[in-house]
Amino acid sequence: MAVAADPLVVLPTDDISDLHVQLWSTDRFPTMVNGVSSINPAEPQAIRDPMRSFPSSASVDRLRGLGIRSVIVVRARVIGTPFEAALSASIDGLGVTRQDVGPDVLYTIE
């Protein structure tokens, strides 16, 4: 999270994962999509659902429309989940870059 431009989203994203991400964010408090509380408004789920196909054209378009600049994929947490494809899916023509940062993957949306 230290090298990602915000606003950002961290994958995987769900109620349990987002609890951890919220704690990790306390180092610099970046603006981010991830979050959870005692109530579940519809908007976070409307962002989470397209992320299951990230990096697809639809998911990148959704993020770009929200002004999201970075997507962090926590490699150890996406294995065996719908978010696992984000580790190696093609990014050709999407206007994003991908780089390994430590054990994780950072996508930058251009």
PDB file of N, CA and C in Angstrom:
ATOM      1  N   MET A   1       0.825  -1.197   0.000  1.00  0.00           N
ATOM      2  CA  MET A   1       0.000   0.000   0.000  1.00  0.00           C
ATOM      3  C   MET A   1       0.867   1.258   0.000  1.00  0.00           C
ATOM      4  N   ALA A   2       2.093   1.124   0.450  1.00  0.00           N
ATOM      5  CA  ALA A   2       2.956   2.295   0.557  1.00  0.00           C
ATOM      6  C   ALA A   2       3.333   2.890  -0.790  1.00  0.00           C
ATOM      7  N   VAL A   3       3.353   2.071  -1.847  1.00  0.00           N
ATOM      8  CA  VAL A   3       3.762   2.592  -3.157  1.00  0.00           C
ATOM      9  C   VAL A   3       2.592   2.829  -4.102  1.00  0.00           C
ATOM     10  N   ALA A   4       1.398   2.501  -3.701  1.00  0.00           N
ATOM     11  CA  ALA A   4       0.221   2.649  -4.557  1.00  0.00           C
ATOM     12  C   ALA A   4      -0.337   4.062  -4.466  1.00  0.00           C
ATOM     13  N   ALA A   5      -0.669   4.612  -5.632  1.00  0.00           N
ATOM     14  CA  ALA A   5      -1.332   5.923  -5.654  1.00  0.00           C
ATOM     15  C   ALA A   5      -2.795   5.723  -5.265  1.00  0.00           C
ATOM     16  N   ASP A   6      -3.286   6.614  -4.444  1.00  0.00           N
ATOM     17  CA  ASP A   6      -4.701   6.496  -4.105  1.00  0.00           C
ATOM     18  C   ASP A   6      -5.507   7.512  -4.904  1.00  0.00           C
ATOM     19  N   PRO A   7      -6.795   7.261  -5.033  1.00  0.00           N
ATOM     20  CA  PRO A   7      -7.596   6.224  -4.371  1.00  0.00           C
ATOM     21  C   PRO A   7      -7.274   4.831  -4.921  1.00  0.00           C
ATOM     22  N   LEU A   8      -7.494   3.834  -4.079  1.00  0.00           N
ATOM     23  CA  LEU A   8      -7.124   2.484  -4.433  1.00  0.00           C
ATOM     24  C   LEU A   8      -8.154   1.477  -3.952  1.00  0.00           C
ATOM     25  N   VAL A   9      -8.000   0.237  -4.445  1.00  0.00           N
ATOM     26  CA  VAL A   9      -8.798  -0.890  -3.986  1.00  0.00           C
ATOM     27  C   VAL A   9      -7.831  -2.046  -3.791  1.00  0.00           C
ATOM     28  N   VAL A  10      -8.074  -2.858  -2.772  1.00  0.00           N
ATOM     29  CA  VAL A  10      -7.252  -4.029  -2.479  1.00  0.00           C
ATOM     30  C   VAL A  10      -8.092  -5.270  -2.722  1.00  0.00           C
ATOM     31  N   LEU A  11      -7.509  -6.240  -3.457  1.00  0.00           N
ATOM     32  CA  LEU A  11      -8.168  -7.513  -3.725  1.00  0.00           C
ATOM     33  C   LEU A  11      -7.477  -8.619  -2.951  1.00  0.00           C
ATOM     34  N   PRO A  12      -8.203  -9.541  -2.365  1.00  0.00           N
ATOM     35  CA  PRO A  12      -9.644  -9.717  -2.486  1.00  0.00           C
ATOM     36  C   PRO A  12     -10.385  -8.675  -1.660  1.00  0.00           C
ATOM     37  N   THR A  13     -11.629  -8.460  -2.021  1.00  0.00           N
ATOM     38  CA  THR A  13     -12.477  -7.551  -1.264  1.00  0.00           C
ATOM     39  C   THR A  13     -13.773  -8.264  -0.882  1.00  0.00           C
ATOM     40  N   ASP A  14     -13.991  -8.359   0.393  1.00  0.00           N
ATOM     41  CA  ASP A  14     -15.214  -8.902   0.986  1.00  0.00           C
ATOM     42  C   ASP A  14     -15.224  -8.423   2.428  1.00  0.00           C
ATOM     43  N   ASP A  15     -16.263  -8.724   3.163  1.00  0.00           N
ATOM     44  CA  ASP A  15     -16.368  -8.186   4.521  1.00  0.00           C
ATOM     45  C   ASP A  15     -15.185  -8.562   5.406  1.00  0.00           C
ATOM     46  N   ILE A  16     -14.736  -9.803   5.357  1.00  0.00           N
ATOM     47  CA  ILE A  16     -13.638 -10.244   6.221  1.00  0.00           C
ATOM     48  C   ILE A  16     -12.311  -9.646   5.766  1.00  0.00           C
ATOM     49  N   SER A  17     -12.011  -9.742   4.479  1.00  0.00           N
ATOM     50  CA  SER A  17     -10.749  -9.194   3.964  1.00  0.00           C
ATOM     51  C   SER A  17     -10.656  -7.697   4.203  1.00  0.00           C
ATOM     52  N   ASP A  18     -11.764  -7.000   4.015  1.00  0.00           N
ATOM     53  CA  ASP A  18     -11.745  -5.550   4.173  1.00  0.00           C
ATOM     54  C   ASP A  18     -11.471  -5.116   5.614  1.00  0.00           C
ATOM     55  N   LEU A  19     -11.812  -5.952   6.580  1.00  0.00           N
ATOM     56  CA  LEU A  19     -11.449  -5.641   7.969  1.00  0.00           C
ATOM     57  C   LEU A  19      -9.937  -5.545   8.107  1.00  0.00           C
ATOM     58  N   HIS A  20      -9.217  -6.485   7.506  1.00  0.00           N
ATOM     59  CA  HIS A  20      -7.758  -6.461   7.558  1.00  0.00           C
ATOM     60  C   HIS A  20      -7.201  -5.273   6.792  1.00  0.00           C
ATOM     61  N   VAL A  21      -7.759  -5.016   5.625  1.00  0.00           N
ATOM     62  CA  VAL A  21      -7.273  -3.911   4.798  1.00  0.00           C
ATOM     63  C   VAL A  21      -7.458  -2.581   5.536  1.00  0.00           C
ATOM     64  N   GLN A  22      -8.570  -2.422   6.213  1.00  0.00           N
ATOM     65  CA  GLN A  22      -8.774  -1.189   6.983  1.00  0.00           C
ATOM     66  C   GLN A  22      -7.676  -1.020   8.028  1.00  0.00           C
ATOM     67  N   LEU A  23      -7.285  -2.088   8.695  1.00  0.00           N
ATOM     68  CA  LEU A  23      -6.210  -2.014   9.683  1.00  0.00           C
ATOM     69  C   LEU A  23      -4.887  -1.661   9.011  1.00  0.00           C
ATOM     70  N   TRP A  24      -4.585  -2.310   7.878  1.00  0.00           N
ATOM     71  CA  TRP A  24      -3.339  -2.028   7.177  1.00  0.00           C
ATOM     72  C   TRP A  24      -3.266  -0.581   6.728  1.00  0.00           C
ATOM     73  N   SER A  25      -4.398   0.019   6.455  1.00  0.00           N
ATOM     74  CA  SER A  25      -4.408   1.382   5.907  1.00  0.00           C
ATOM     75  C   SER A  25      -4.069   2.444   6.941  1.00  0.00           C
ATOM     76  N   THR A  26      -3.987   2.080   8.201  1.00  0.00           N
ATOM     77  CA  THR A  26      -3.758   3.096   9.227  1.00  0.00           C
ATOM     78  C   THR A  26      -2.351   3.677   9.195  1.00  0.00           C
ATOM     79  N   ASP A  27      -1.471   3.123   8.373  1.00  0.00           N
ATOM     80  CA  ASP A  27      -0.119   3.667   8.260  1.00  0.00           C
ATOM     81  C   ASP A  27      -0.127   5.054   7.636  1.00  0.00           C
ATOM     82  N   ARG A  28      -0.923   5.232   6.544  1.00  0.00           N
ATOM     83  CA  ARG A  28      -0.994   6.558   5.907  1.00  0.00           C
ATOM     84  C   ARG A  28      -2.416   6.967   5.539  1.00  0.00           C
ATOM     85  N   PHE A  29      -3.385   6.135   5.865  1.00  0.00           N
ATOM     86  CA  PHE A  29      -4.798   6.400   5.596  1.00  0.00           C
ATOM     87  C   PHE A  29      -5.065   6.823   4.152  1.00  0.00           C
ATOM     88  N   PRO A  30      -4.717   5.960   3.178  1.00  0.00           N
ATOM     89  CA  PRO A  30      -5.021   6.312   1.789  1.00  0.00           C
ATOM     90  C   PRO A  30      -6.528   6.309   1.553  1.00  0.00           C
ATOM     91  N   THR A  31      -6.958   7.069   0.578  1.00  0.00           N
ATOM     92  CA  THR A  31      -8.353   7.009   0.149  1.00  0.00           C
ATOM     93  C   THR A  31      -8.529   5.681  -0.566  1.00  0.00           C
ATOM     94  N   MET A  32      -9.510   4.880  -0.141  1.00  0.00           N
ATOM     95  CA  MET A  32      -9.683   3.562  -0.739  1.00  0.00           C
ATOM     96  C   MET A  32     -11.134   3.134  -0.718  1.00  0.00           C
ATOM     97  N   VAL A  33     -11.426   2.157  -1.551  1.00  0.00           N
ATOM     98  CA  VAL A  33     -12.768   1.613  -1.675  1.00  0.00           C
ATOM     99  C   VAL A  33     -13.057   0.637  -0.542  1.00  0.00           C
ATOM    100  N   ASN A  34     -12.074  -0.157  -0.168  1.00  0.00           N
ATOM    101  CA  ASN A  34     -12.279  -1.208   0.829  1.00  0.00           C
ATOM    102  C   ASN A  34     -12.769  -0.628   2.144  1.00  0.00           C
ATOM    103  N   GLY A  35     -13.683  -1.344   2.754  1.00  0.00           N
ATOM    104  CA  GLY A  35     -14.181  -0.951   4.059  1.00  0.00           C
ATOM    105  C   GLY A  35     -15.375  -1.791   4.431  1.00  0.00           C
ATOM    106  N   VAL A  36     -15.627  -1.834   5.697  1.00  0.00           N
ATOM    107  CA  VAL A  36     -16.764  -2.591   6.204  1.00  0.00           C
ATOM    108  C   VAL A  36     -17.205  -1.945   7.516  1.00  0.00           C
ATOM    109  N   SER A  37     -18.476  -2.047   7.792  1.00  0.00           N
ATOM    110  CA  SER A  37     -19.003  -1.504   9.042  1.00  0.00           C
ATOM    111  C   SER A  37     -20.150  -2.400   9.500  1.00  0.00           C
ATOM    112  N   SER A  38     -20.849  -1.963  10.492  1.00  0.00           N
ATOM    113  CA  SER A  38     -21.944  -2.781  11.016  1.00  0.00           C
ATOM    114  C   SER A  38     -23.176  -2.765  10.110  1.00  0.00           C
ATOM    115  N   ILE A  39     -23.195  -1.856   9.143  1.00  0.00           N
ATOM    116  CA  ILE A  39     -24.258  -1.861   8.134  1.00  0.00           C
ATOM    117  C   ILE A  39     -23.623  -2.096   6.777  1.00  0.00           C
ATOM    118  N   ASN A  40     -24.361  -2.662   5.859  1.00  0.00           N
ATOM    119  CA  ASN A  40     -23.831  -2.955   4.535  1.00  0.00           C
ATOM    120  C   ASN A  40     -24.601  -2.199   3.459  1.00  0.00           C
ATOM    121  N   PRO A  41     -24.155  -0.980   3.132  1.00  0.00           N
ATOM    122  CA  PRO A  41     -24.822  -0.257   2.056  1.00  0.00           C
ATOM    123  C   PRO A  41     -24.593  -0.965   0.724  1.00  0.00           C
ATOM    124  N   ALA A  42     -25.439  -0.713  -0.238  1.00  0.00           N
ATOM    125  CA  ALA A  42     -25.373  -1.386  -1.541  1.00  0.00           C
ATOM    126  C   ALA A  42     -24.148  -0.964  -2.356  1.00  0.00           C
ATOM    127  N   GLU A  43     -23.661   0.241  -2.184  1.00  0.00           N
ATOM    128  CA  GLU A  43     -22.573   0.735  -3.017  1.00  0.00           C
ATOM    129  C   GLU A  43     -21.295  -0.102  -2.928  1.00  0.00           C
ATOM    130  N   PRO A  44     -20.804  -0.474  -1.744  1.00  0.00           N
ATOM    131  CA  PRO A  44     -19.585  -1.302  -1.725  1.00  0.00           C
ATOM    132  C   PRO A  44     -19.750  -2.609  -2.499  1.00  0.00           C
ATOM    133  N   GLN A  45     -20.891  -3.254  -2.399  1.00  0.00           N
ATOM    134  CA  GLN A  45     -21.095  -4.503  -3.128  1.00  0.00           C
ATOM    135  C   GLN A  45     -21.149  -4.254  -4.633  1.00  0.00           C
ATOM    136  N   ALA A  46     -21.669  -3.120  -5.033  1.00  0.00           N
ATOM    137  CA  ALA A  46     -21.726  -2.774  -6.445  1.00  0.00           C
ATOM    138  C   ALA A  46     -20.325  -2.547  -7.015  1.00  0.00           C
ATOM    139  N   ILE A  47     -19.368  -2.241  -6.163  1.00  0.00           N
ATOM    140  CA  ILE A  47     -17.978  -2.107  -6.594  1.00  0.00           C
ATOM    141  C   ILE A  47     -17.288  -3.471  -6.501  1.00  0.00           C
ATOM    142  N   ARG A  48     -17.567  -4.234  -5.458  1.00  0.00           N
ATOM    143  CA  ARG A  48     -16.928  -5.542  -5.276  1.00  0.00           C
ATOM    144  C   ARG A  48     -17.264  -6.520  -6.398  1.00  0.00           C
ATOM    145  N   ASP A  49     -18.512  -6.564  -6.826  1.00  0.00           N
ATOM    146  CA  ASP A  49     -18.930  -7.548  -7.823  1.00  0.00           C
ATOM    147  C   ASP A  49     -18.104  -7.484  -9.107  1.00  0.00           C
ATOM    148  N   PRO A  50     -17.906  -6.315  -9.730  1.00  0.00           N
ATOM    149  CA  PRO A  50     -17.090  -6.287 -10.951  1.00  0.00           C
ATOM    150  C   PRO A  50     -15.624  -6.654 -10.711  1.00  0.00           C
ATOM    151  N   MET A  51     -15.159  -6.525  -9.473  1.00  0.00           N
ATOM    152  CA  MET A  51     -13.754  -6.823  -9.179  1.00  0.00           C
ATOM    153  C   MET A  51     -13.448  -8.317  -9.274  1.00  0.00           C
ATOM    154  N   ARG A  52     -14.480  -9.154  -9.249  1.00  0.00           N
ATOM    155  CA  ARG A  52     -14.268 -10.600  -9.395  1.00  0.00           C
ATOM    156  C   ARG A  52     -13.707 -10.939 -10.774  1.00  0.00           C
ATOM    157  N   SER A  53     -13.895 -10.048 -11.747  1.00  0.00           N
ATOM    158  CA  SER A  53     -13.375 -10.298 -13.094  1.00  0.00           C
ATOM    159  C   SER A  53     -12.173  -9.402 -13.417  1.00  0.00           C
ATOM    160  N   PHE A  54     -11.639  -8.708 -12.431  1.00  0.00           N
ATOM    161  CA  PHE A  54     -10.499  -7.819 -12.665  1.00  0.00           C
ATOM    162  C   PHE A  54      -9.292  -8.633 -13.095  1.00  0.00           C
ATOM    163  N   PRO A  55      -8.562  -8.199 -14.101  1.00  0.00           N
ATOM    164  CA  PRO A  55      -8.660  -6.992 -14.894  1.00  0.00           C
ATOM    165  C   PRO A  55      -9.418  -7.213 -16.201  1.00  0.00           C
ATOM    166  N   SER A  56     -10.668  -7.025 -16.185  1.00  0.00           N
ATOM    167  CA  SER A  56     -11.487  -7.086 -17.401  1.00  0.00           C
ATOM    168  C   SER A  56     -11.800  -5.662 -17.832  1.00  0.00           C
ATOM    169  N   SER A  57     -12.258  -5.526 -19.047  1.00  0.00           N
ATOM    170  CA  SER A  57     -12.631  -4.205 -19.547  1.00  0.00           C
ATOM    171  C   SER A  57     -13.703  -3.566 -18.670  1.00  0.00           C
ATOM    172  N   ALA A  58     -14.713  -4.362 -18.288  1.00  0.00           N
ATOM    173  CA  ALA A  58     -15.806  -3.826 -17.464  1.00  0.00           C
ATOM    174  C   ALA A  58     -15.302  -3.370 -16.094  1.00  0.00           C
ATOM    175  N   SER A  59     -14.437  -4.164 -15.467  1.00  0.00           N
ATOM    176  CA  SER A  59     -13.958  -3.795 -14.129  1.00  0.00           C
ATOM    177  C   SER A  59     -13.054  -2.577 -14.183  1.00  0.00           C
ATOM    178  N   VAL A  60     -12.191  -2.504 -15.189  1.00  0.00           N
ATOM    179  CA  VAL A  60     -11.306  -1.347 -15.325  1.00  0.00           C
ATOM    180  C   VAL A  60     -12.121  -0.092 -15.638  1.00  0.00           C
ATOM    181  N   ASP A  61     -13.119  -0.211 -16.500  1.00  0.00           N
ATOM    182  CA  ASP A  61     -13.981   0.934 -16.801  1.00  0.00           C
ATOM    183  C   ASP A  61     -14.697   1.419 -15.549  1.00  0.00           C
ATOM    184  N   ARG A  62     -15.176   0.492 -14.726  1.00  0.00           N
ATOM    185  CA  ARG A  62     -15.870   0.857 -13.482  1.00  0.00           C
ATOM    186  C   ARG A  62     -14.925   1.604 -12.549  1.00  0.00           C
ATOM    187  N   LEU A  63     -13.719   1.080 -12.387  1.00  0.00           N
ATOM    188  CA  LEU A  63     -12.740   1.735 -11.516  1.00  0.00           C
ATOM    189  C   LEU A  63     -12.343   3.101 -12.052  1.00  0.00           C
ATOM    190  N   ARG A  64     -12.114   3.167 -13.338  1.00  0.00           N
ATOM    191  CA  ARG A  64     -11.743   4.449 -13.950  1.00  0.00           C
ATOM    192  C   ARG A  64     -12.859   5.473 -13.734  1.00  0.00           C
ATOM    193  N   GLY A  65     -14.112   5.043 -13.874  1.00  0.00           N
ATOM    194  CA  GLY A  65     -15.244   5.930 -13.649  1.00  0.00           C
ATOM    195  C   GLY A  65     -15.344   6.422 -12.215  1.00  0.00           C
ATOM    196  N   LEU A  66     -14.838   5.637 -11.284  1.00  0.00           N
ATOM    197  CA  LEU A  66     -14.834   6.024  -9.872  1.00  0.00           C
ATOM    198  C   LEU A  66     -13.591   6.827  -9.487  1.00  0.00           C
ATOM    199  N   GLY A  67     -12.656   6.959 -10.431  1.00  0.00           N
ATOM    200  CA  GLY A  67     -11.431   7.693 -10.143  1.00  0.00           C
ATOM    201  C   GLY A  67     -10.375   6.868  -9.423  1.00  0.00           C
ATOM    202  N   ILE A  68     -10.537   5.545  -9.399  1.00  0.00           N
ATOM    203  CA  ILE A  68      -9.564   4.678  -8.730  1.00  0.00           C
ATOM    204  C   ILE A  68      -8.305   4.625  -9.573  1.00  0.00           C
ATOM    205  N   ARG A  69      -7.152   4.807  -8.940  1.00  0.00           N
ATOM    206  CA  ARG A  69      -5.880   4.843  -9.652  1.00  0.00           C
ATOM    207  C   ARG A  69      -5.043   3.590  -9.481  1.00  0.00           C
ATOM    208  N   SER A  70      -5.281   2.818  -8.419  1.00  0.00           N
ATOM    209  CA  SER A  70      -4.451   1.642  -8.142  1.00  0.00           C
ATOM    210  C   SER A  70      -5.298   0.478  -7.661  1.00  0.00           C
ATOM    211  N   VAL A  71      -4.846  -0.721  -7.999  1.00  0.00           N
ATOM    212  CA  VAL A  71      -5.437  -1.951  -7.493  1.00  0.00           C
ATOM    213  C   VAL A  71      -4.291  -2.792  -6.949  1.00  0.00           C
ATOM    214  N   ILE A  72      -4.391  -3.165  -5.699  1.00  0.00           N
ATOM    215  CA  ILE A  72      -3.389  -4.019  -5.075  1.00  0.00           C
ATOM    216  C   ILE A  72      -3.986  -5.412  -4.958  1.00  0.00           C
ATOM    217  N   VAL A  73      -3.264  -6.414  -5.441  1.00  0.00           N
ATOM    218  CA  VAL A  73      -3.712  -7.794  -5.349  1.00  0.00           C
ATOM    219  C   VAL A  73      -2.806  -8.498  -4.346  1.00  0.00           C
ATOM    220  N   VAL A  74      -3.377  -8.897  -3.224  1.00  0.00           N
ATOM    221  CA  VAL A  74      -2.622  -9.587  -2.179  1.00  0.00           C
ATOM    222  C   VAL A  74      -2.545 -11.058  -2.576  1.00  0.00           C
ATOM    223  N   ARG A  75      -1.414 -11.415  -3.148  1.00  0.00           N
ATOM    224  CA  ARG A  75      -1.222 -12.737  -3.755  1.00  0.00           C
ATOM    225  C   ARG A  75      -1.621 -13.874  -2.816  1.00  0.00           C
ATOM    226  N   ALA A  76      -1.191 -13.849  -1.592  1.00  0.00           N
ATOM    227  CA  ALA A  76      -1.462 -14.955  -0.659  1.00  0.00           C
ATOM    228  C   ALA A  76      -2.945 -15.096  -0.330  1.00  0.00           C
ATOM    229  N   ARG A  77      -3.727 -14.057  -0.536  1.00  0.00           N
ATOM    230  CA  ARG A  77      -5.137 -14.099  -0.169  1.00  0.00           C
ATOM    231  C   ARG A  77      -6.081 -14.343  -1.344  1.00  0.00           C
ATOM    232  N   VAL A  78      -5.573 -14.274  -2.576  1.00  0.00           N
ATOM    233  CA  VAL A  78      -6.469 -14.469  -3.708  1.00  0.00           C
ATOM    234  C   VAL A  78      -6.436 -15.884  -4.275  1.00  0.00           C
ATOM    235  N   ILE A  79      -5.453 -16.666  -3.907  1.00  0.00           N
ATOM    236  CA  ILE A  79      -5.345 -18.032  -4.418  1.00  0.00           C
ATOM    237  C   ILE A  79      -6.615 -18.804  -4.046  1.00  0.00           C
ATOM    238  N   GLY A  80      -7.232 -19.409  -5.058  1.00  0.00           N
ATOM    239  CA  GLY A  80      -8.448 -20.187  -4.835  1.00  0.00           C
ATOM    240  C   GLY A  80      -9.720 -19.374  -4.757  1.00  0.00           C
ATOM    241  N   THR A  81      -9.647 -18.074  -5.075  1.00  0.00           N
ATOM    242  CA  THR A  81     -10.828 -17.206  -5.049  1.00  0.00           C
ATOM    243  C   THR A  81     -11.090 -16.696  -6.464  1.00  0.00           C
ATOM    244  N   PRO A  82     -12.232 -16.067  -6.694  1.00  0.00           N
ATOM    245  CA  PRO A  82     -12.485 -15.478  -8.018  1.00  0.00           C
ATOM    246  C   PRO A  82     -11.474 -14.394  -8.396  1.00  0.00           C
ATOM    247  N   PHE A  83     -10.761 -13.853  -7.422  1.00  0.00           N
ATOM    248  CA  PHE A  83      -9.794 -12.785  -7.677  1.00  0.00           C
ATOM    249  C   PHE A  83      -8.443 -13.309  -8.161  1.00  0.00           C
ATOM    250  N   GLU A  84      -8.238 -14.621  -8.136  1.00  0.00           N
ATOM    251  CA  GLU A  84      -6.951 -15.207  -8.504  1.00  0.00           C
ATOM    252  C   GLU A  84      -6.538 -14.872  -9.936  1.00  0.00           C
ATOM    253  N   ALA A  85      -7.490 -14.750 -10.836  1.00  0.00           N
ATOM    254  CA  ALA A  85      -7.171 -14.433 -12.236  1.00  0.00           C
ATOM    255  C   ALA A  85      -6.414 -13.115 -12.365  1.00  0.00           C
ATOM    256  N   ALA A  86      -6.568 -12.223 -11.408  1.00  0.00           N
ATOM    257  CA  ALA A  86      -5.887 -10.930 -11.454  1.00  0.00           C
ATOM    258  C   ALA A  86      -4.369 -11.071 -11.390  1.00  0.00           C
ATOM    259  N   LEU A  87      -3.886 -12.226 -10.991  1.00  0.00           N
ATOM    260  CA  LEU A  87      -2.445 -12.424 -10.908  1.00  0.00           C
ATOM    261  C   LEU A  87      -1.780 -12.549 -12.272  1.00  0.00           C
ATOM    262  N   SER A  88      -2.532 -13.023 -13.278  1.00  0.00           N
ATOM    263  CA  SER A  88      -1.879 -13.285 -14.555  1.00  0.00           C
ATOM    264  C   SER A  88      -2.722 -12.970 -15.791  1.00  0.00           C
ATOM    265  N   ALA A  89      -3.908 -12.441 -15.642  1.00  0.00           N
ATOM    266  CA  ALA A  89      -4.772 -12.160 -16.793  1.00  0.00           C
ATOM    267  C   ALA A  89      -4.134 -11.110 -17.704  1.00  0.00           C
ATOM    268  N   SER A  90      -4.471 -11.171 -18.960  1.00  0.00           N
ATOM    269  CA  SER A  90      -3.961 -10.212 -19.929  1.00  0.00           C
ATOM    270  C   SER A  90      -4.477  -8.803 -19.612  1.00  0.00           C
ATOM    271  N   ILE A  91      -3.587  -7.840 -19.800  1.00  0.00           N
ATOM    272  CA  ILE A  91      -3.968  -6.438 -19.615  1.00  0.00           C
ATOM    273  C   ILE A  91      -3.865  -5.665 -20.928  1.00  0.00           C
ATOM    274  N   ASP A  92      -3.662  -6.394 -22.020  1.00  0.00           N
ATOM    275  CA  ASP A  92      -3.532  -5.757 -23.335  1.00  0.00           C
ATOM    276  C   ASP A  92      -4.751  -4.894 -23.647  1.00  0.00           C
ATOM    277  N   GLY A  93      -4.501  -3.653 -24.005  1.00  0.00           N
ATOM    278  CA  GLY A  93      -5.552  -2.744 -24.432  1.00  0.00           C
ATOM    279  C   GLY A  93      -6.399  -2.162 -23.318  1.00  0.00           C
ATOM    280  N   LEU A  94      -6.073  -2.457 -22.057  1.00  0.00           N
ATOM    281  CA  LEU A  94      -6.894  -1.966 -20.945  1.00  0.00           C
ATOM    282  C   LEU A  94      -6.423  -0.624 -20.393  1.00  0.00           C
ATOM    283  N   GLY A  95      -5.227  -0.202 -20.747  1.00  0.00           N
ATOM    284  CA  GLY A  95      -4.718   1.057 -20.216  1.00  0.00           C
ATOM    285  C   GLY A  95      -4.307   0.949 -18.759  1.00  0.00           C
ATOM    286  N   VAL A  96      -3.769  -0.216 -18.392  1.00  0.00           N
ATOM    287  CA  VAL A  96      -3.257  -0.414 -17.040  1.00  0.00           C
ATOM    288  C   VAL A  96      -1.861  -1.021 -17.130  1.00  0.00           C
ATOM    289  N   THR A  97      -1.076  -0.810 -16.090  1.00  0.00           N
ATOM    290  CA  THR A  97       0.217  -1.473 -15.974  1.00  0.00           C
ATOM    291  C   THR A  97       0.180  -2.383 -14.760  1.00  0.00           C
ATOM    292  N   ARG A  98       1.019  -3.417 -14.797  1.00  0.00           N
ATOM    293  CA  ARG A  98       1.078  -4.369 -13.683  1.00  0.00           C
ATOM    294  C   ARG A  98       2.540  -4.535 -13.293  1.00  0.00           C
ATOM    295  N   GLN A  99       2.783  -4.544 -11.974  1.00  0.00           N
ATOM    296  CA  GLN A  99       4.138  -4.802 -11.496  1.00  0.00           C
ATOM    297  C   GLN A  99       4.080  -5.566 -10.185  1.00  0.00           C
ATOM    298  N   ASP A 100       5.052  -6.440 -10.000  1.00  0.00           N
ATOM    299  CA  ASP A 100       5.178  -7.131  -8.723  1.00  0.00           C
ATOM    300  C   ASP A 100       5.821  -6.174  -7.741  1.00  0.00           C
ATOM    301  N   VAL A 101       5.239  -6.079  -6.552  1.00  0.00           N
ATOM    302  CA  VAL A 101       5.796  -5.271  -5.480  1.00  0.00           C
ATOM    303  C   VAL A 101       5.861  -6.184  -4.263  1.00  0.00           C
ATOM    304  N   GLY A 102       7.063  -6.625  -3.953  1.00  0.00           N
ATOM    305  CA  GLY A 102       7.199  -7.618  -2.888  1.00  0.00           C
ATOM    306  C   GLY A 102       6.412  -8.856  -3.283  1.00  0.00           C
ATOM    307  N   PRO A 103       5.643  -9.407  -2.363  1.00  0.00           N
ATOM    308  CA  PRO A 103       4.885 -10.620  -2.681  1.00  0.00           C
ATOM    309  C   PRO A 103       3.568 -10.347  -3.415  1.00  0.00           C
ATOM    310  N   ASP A 104       3.237  -9.094  -3.628  1.00  0.00           N
ATOM    311  CA  ASP A 104       1.927  -8.740  -4.165  1.00  0.00           C
ATOM    312  C   ASP A 104       2.033  -8.126  -5.561  1.00  0.00           C
ATOM    313  N   VAL A 105       0.890  -7.780  -6.122  1.00  0.00           N
ATOM    314  CA  VAL A 105       0.831  -7.221  -7.473  1.00  0.00           C
ATOM    315  C   VAL A 105       0.149  -5.858  -7.403  1.00  0.00           C
ATOM    316  N   LEU A 106       0.739  -4.883  -8.066  1.00  0.00           N
ATOM    317  CA  LEU A 106       0.180  -3.536  -8.117  1.00  0.00           C
ATOM    318  C   LEU A 106      -0.196  -3.222  -9.552  1.00  0.00           C
ATOM    319  N   TYR A 107      -1.462  -2.884  -9.757  1.00  0.00           N
ATOM    320  CA  TYR A 107      -1.952  -2.396 -11.036  1.00  0.00           C
ATOM    321  C   TYR A 107      -2.110  -0.888 -10.923  1.00  0.00           C
ATOM    322  N   THR A 108      -1.662  -0.183 -11.939  1.00  0.00           N
ATOM    323  CA  THR A 108      -1.870   1.253 -12.012  1.00  0.00           C
ATOM    324  C   THR A 108      -2.781   1.533 -13.191  1.00  0.00           C
ATOM    325  N   ILE A 109      -3.866   2.227 -12.935  1.00  0.00           N
ATOM    326  CA  ILE A 109      -4.832   2.554 -13.971  1.00  0.00           C
ATOM    327  C   ILE A 109      -4.450   3.898 -14.560  1.00  0.00           C
ATOM    328  N   GLU A 110      -4.175   3.882 -15.842  1.00  0.00           N
ATOM    329  CA  GLU A 110      -3.684   5.110 -16.498  1.00  0.00           C
ATOM    330  C   GLU A 110      -4.819   5.963 -16.983  1.00  0.00           C
TER     331      GLU A 110
END
